[in-house]
């Protein structure tokens, strides 16, 4: 079970890294958006990653900042 959680956290980290990268290739960015939505967005990611509300708000804002530019 721990291996699944660790792998899941790694996948989510890659998605988040892409979503906050201003220079990310648009195809990779769009794929990350699809994955993000499939997971359930920031609310589900926060549950999986065991974030508090401050961490969740920080990541949400980072994602929105890049999304506004893309």
C-alpha atoms as a PDB file:
ATOM      1  CA  UNK A   1       0.000   0.000   0.000  1.00  0.00           C
ATOM      2  CA  UNK A   2       2.834   2.406   0.830  1.00  0.00           C
ATOM      3  CA  UNK A   3       4.404   1.811  -2.601  1.00  0.00           C
ATOM      4  CA  UNK A   4       1.122   2.743  -4.305  1.00  0.00           C
ATOM      5  CA  UNK A   5       0.891   5.949  -2.249  1.00  0.00           C
ATOM      6  CA  UNK A   6       4.516   6.834  -2.986  1.00  0.00           C
ATOM      7  CA  UNK A   7       4.005   6.244  -6.726  1.00  0.00           C
ATOM      8  CA  UNK A   8       0.778   8.256  -6.675  1.00  0.00           C
ATOM      9  CA  UNK A   9       2.532  11.141  -4.916  1.00  0.00           C
ATOM     10  CA  UNK A  10       5.280  11.036  -7.548  1.00  0.00           C
ATOM     11  CA  UNK A  11       2.752  11.179 -10.378  1.00  0.00           C
ATOM     12  CA  UNK A  12       0.953  14.079  -8.748  1.00  0.00           C
ATOM     13  CA  UNK A  13       4.244  15.884  -8.219  1.00  0.00           C
ATOM     14  CA  UNK A  14       5.045  15.581 -11.932  1.00  0.00           C
ATOM     15  CA  UNK A  15       1.607  16.916 -12.843  1.00  0.00           C
ATOM     16  CA  UNK A  16       1.987  19.856 -10.469  1.00  0.00           C
ATOM     17  CA  UNK A  17       5.512  20.613 -11.691  1.00  0.00           C
ATOM     18  CA  UNK A  18       4.202  20.828 -15.250  1.00  0.00           C
ATOM     19  CA  UNK A  19       1.209  22.957 -14.285  1.00  0.00           C
ATOM     20  CA  UNK A  20       3.391  25.577 -12.585  1.00  0.00           C
ATOM     21  CA  UNK A  21       6.108  25.647 -15.261  1.00  0.00           C
ATOM     22  CA  UNK A  22       5.674  28.814 -17.328  1.00  0.00           C
ATOM     23  CA  UNK A  23       7.923  27.341 -20.024  1.00  0.00           C
ATOM     24  CA  UNK A  24       6.266  23.915 -20.233  1.00  0.00           C
ATOM     25  CA  UNK A  25       5.598  22.606 -23.715  1.00  0.00           C
ATOM     26  CA  UNK A  26       1.928  23.260 -24.498  1.00  0.00           C
ATOM     27  CA  UNK A  27       1.278  19.580 -25.278  1.00  0.00           C
ATOM     28  CA  UNK A  28       2.757  18.474 -21.930  1.00  0.00           C
ATOM     29  CA  UNK A  29       0.817  21.249 -20.214  1.00  0.00           C
ATOM     30  CA  UNK A  30      -2.477  20.173 -21.804  1.00  0.00           C
ATOM     31  CA  UNK A  31      -1.809  16.536 -20.851  1.00  0.00           C
ATOM     32  CA  UNK A  32      -1.124  17.637 -17.280  1.00  0.00           C
ATOM     33  CA  UNK A  33      -4.432  19.556 -17.248  1.00  0.00           C
ATOM     34  CA  UNK A  34      -6.249  16.396 -18.356  1.00  0.00           C
ATOM     35  CA  UNK A  35      -4.524  14.330 -15.658  1.00  0.00           C
ATOM     36  CA  UNK A  36      -5.258  17.019 -13.058  1.00  0.00           C
ATOM     37  CA  UNK A  37      -8.940  16.966 -13.954  1.00  0.00           C
ATOM     38  CA  UNK A  38      -9.072  13.143 -13.961  1.00  0.00           C
ATOM     39  CA  UNK A  39      -7.639  13.060 -10.450  1.00  0.00           C
ATOM     40  CA  UNK A  40     -10.319  15.469  -9.268  1.00  0.00           C
ATOM     41  CA  UNK A  41      -8.527  18.789  -9.206  1.00  0.00           C
ATOM     42  CA  UNK A  42      -6.900  20.552  -6.318  1.00  0.00           C
ATOM     43  CA  UNK A  43      -9.357  19.214  -3.724  1.00  0.00           C
ATOM     44  CA  UNK A  44      -8.535  15.572  -4.429  1.00  0.00           C
ATOM     45  CA  UNK A  45      -4.830  16.284  -4.799  1.00  0.00           C
ATOM     46  CA  UNK A  46      -4.851  18.005  -1.405  1.00  0.00           C
ATOM     47  CA  UNK A  47      -6.480  14.928   0.161  1.00  0.00           C
ATOM     48  CA  UNK A  48      -4.026  12.523  -1.460  1.00  0.00           C
ATOM     49  CA  UNK A  49      -1.005  14.651  -0.570  1.00  0.00           C
ATOM     50  CA  UNK A  50      -2.390  15.315   2.929  1.00  0.00           C
ATOM     51  CA  UNK A  51      -2.063  19.092   2.586  1.00  0.00           C
ATOM     52  CA  UNK A  52      -3.511  21.619   4.958  1.00  0.00           C
ATOM     53  CA  UNK A  53      -5.620  24.497   3.630  1.00  0.00           C
ATOM     54  CA  UNK A  54      -2.594  26.819   3.347  1.00  0.00           C
ATOM     55  CA  UNK A  55      -0.675  24.382   1.157  1.00  0.00           C
ATOM     56  CA  UNK A  56      -3.748  23.774  -0.963  1.00  0.00           C
ATOM     57  CA  UNK A  57      -4.309  27.517  -1.458  1.00  0.00           C
ATOM     58  CA  UNK A  58      -0.628  28.063  -2.330  1.00  0.00           C
ATOM     59  CA  UNK A  59      -0.647  25.376  -5.022  1.00  0.00           C
ATOM     60  CA  UNK A  60      -3.994  26.477  -6.398  1.00  0.00           C
ATOM     61  CA  UNK A  61      -2.696  30.018  -6.826  1.00  0.00           C
ATOM     62  CA  UNK A  62       0.502  28.826  -8.525  1.00  0.00           C
ATOM     63  CA  UNK A  63      -1.540  26.770 -10.988  1.00  0.00           C
ATOM     64  CA  UNK A  64      -3.919  29.640 -11.687  1.00  0.00           C
ATOM     65  CA  UNK A  65      -1.037  32.060 -12.293  1.00  0.00           C
ATOM     66  CA  UNK A  66       0.384  29.898 -15.091  1.00  0.00           C
ATOM     67  CA  UNK A  67      -3.077  29.028 -16.458  1.00  0.00           C
ATOM     68  CA  UNK A  68      -3.858  32.732 -16.853  1.00  0.00           C
ATOM     69  CA  UNK A  69      -0.766  33.136 -19.049  1.00  0.00           C
ATOM     70  CA  UNK A  70      -1.196  29.958 -21.090  1.00  0.00           C
END
